[in-house]
Amino acid sequence: MSTVQIRIDEELYEAARRTAAAEFRTVPAQIAFWAKIGRAALDNPDLPVDFVRDILVAKQLGEREPFVFAKEE
């Protein structure tokens, strides 16, 4: 993976730093994760952002359980 330097708002950096520490990521990894969520959310506007985030997290963790339809009673 190549890296590049970018300028970001200090407030965004501080938010990323706090969240990265809580989620055991580096600041660049946190910003990249947020960017992936944003891109996926824009590509799928009918899906809730939380759903998009959960899918990306599950994909990263390798958690792939088959979807089972609930039985109607």
Protein backbone atom coordinates (compact mmCIF):
# COMPACT_ATOMS: atom_id res chain seq x y z
CA MET A 1 0.00 0.00 0.00
CA SER A 2 1.34 3.40 -0.87
CA THR A 3 0.87 6.44 1.31
CA VAL A 4 0.30 10.10 0.60
CA GLN A 5 0.13 13.13 2.81
CA ILE A 6 -3.11 15.08 3.00
CA ARG A 7 -4.28 18.09 4.94
CA ILE A 8 -7.32 17.65 7.13
CA ASP A 9 -9.12 19.84 9.60
CA GLU A 10 -7.68 19.65 13.12
CA GLU A 11 -11.13 18.92 14.55
CA LEU A 12 -11.51 15.90 12.22
CA TYR A 13 -8.03 14.70 13.17
CA GLU A 14 -8.82 14.91 16.88
CA ALA A 15 -12.10 13.04 16.41
CA ALA A 16 -10.24 10.37 14.43
CA ARG A 17 -7.56 10.16 17.12
CA ARG A 18 -10.13 9.60 19.88
CA THR A 19 -12.11 7.06 17.88
CA ALA A 20 -8.97 5.29 16.68
CA ALA A 21 -7.81 4.81 20.27
CA ALA A 22 -11.20 3.43 21.28
CA GLU A 23 -11.37 1.08 18.30
CA PHE A 24 -7.67 0.03 18.39
CA ARG A 25 -6.75 1.59 15.03
CA THR A 26 -4.16 4.10 13.97
CA VAL A 27 -5.38 7.57 13.05
CA PRO A 28 -4.73 6.99 9.32
CA ALA A 29 -6.54 3.63 9.50
CA GLN A 30 -9.50 5.31 11.24
CA ILE A 31 -9.75 8.01 8.58
CA ALA A 32 -9.46 5.38 5.83
CA PHE A 33 -12.23 3.36 7.52
CA TRP A 34 -14.49 6.42 7.66
CA ALA A 35 -13.73 7.11 3.99
CA LYS A 36 -14.69 3.53 3.05
CA ILE A 37 -17.97 3.88 4.96
CA GLY A 38 -18.69 7.19 3.27
CA ARG A 39 -17.95 5.82 -0.19
CA ALA A 40 -20.05 2.70 0.41
CA ALA A 41 -22.90 4.80 1.81
CA LEU A 42 -22.84 7.06 -1.26
CA ASP A 43 -22.81 4.01 -3.53
CA ASN A 44 -25.81 2.54 -1.65
CA PRO A 45 -28.03 5.49 -0.69
CA ASP A 46 -30.98 3.26 0.22
CA LEU A 47 -29.05 1.54 3.01
CA PRO A 48 -28.65 3.05 6.49
CA VAL A 49 -25.08 4.15 7.24
CA ASP A 50 -24.97 1.96 10.37
CA PHE A 51 -25.84 -1.06 8.22
CA VAL A 52 -23.06 -0.20 5.75
CA ARG A 53 -20.59 0.17 8.63
CA ASP A 54 -21.61 -3.16 10.15
CA ILE A 55 -21.17 -4.92 6.81
CA LEU A 56 -17.67 -3.46 6.38
CA VAL A 57 -16.69 -4.45 9.92
CA ALA A 58 -18.03 -7.99 9.48
CA LYS A 59 -16.23 -8.30 6.15
CA GLN A 60 -12.97 -7.17 7.74
CA LEU A 61 -13.39 -9.64 10.60
CA GLY A 62 -14.26 -12.48 8.26
CA GLU A 63 -17.64 -13.01 9.90
CA ARG A 64 -19.81 -14.50 7.21
CA GLU A 65 -22.88 -16.22 8.53
CA PRO A 66 -25.55 -17.20 6.02
CA PHE A 67 -28.70 -15.15 6.09
CA VAL A 68 -31.68 -17.13 7.36
CA PHE A 69 -35.19 -15.87 6.79
CA ALA A 70 -37.31 -15.71 9.91
CA LYS A 71 -40.24 -18.10 9.86
CA GLU A 72 -43.61 -16.40 9.84
CA GLU A 73 -45.96 -17.69 12.48
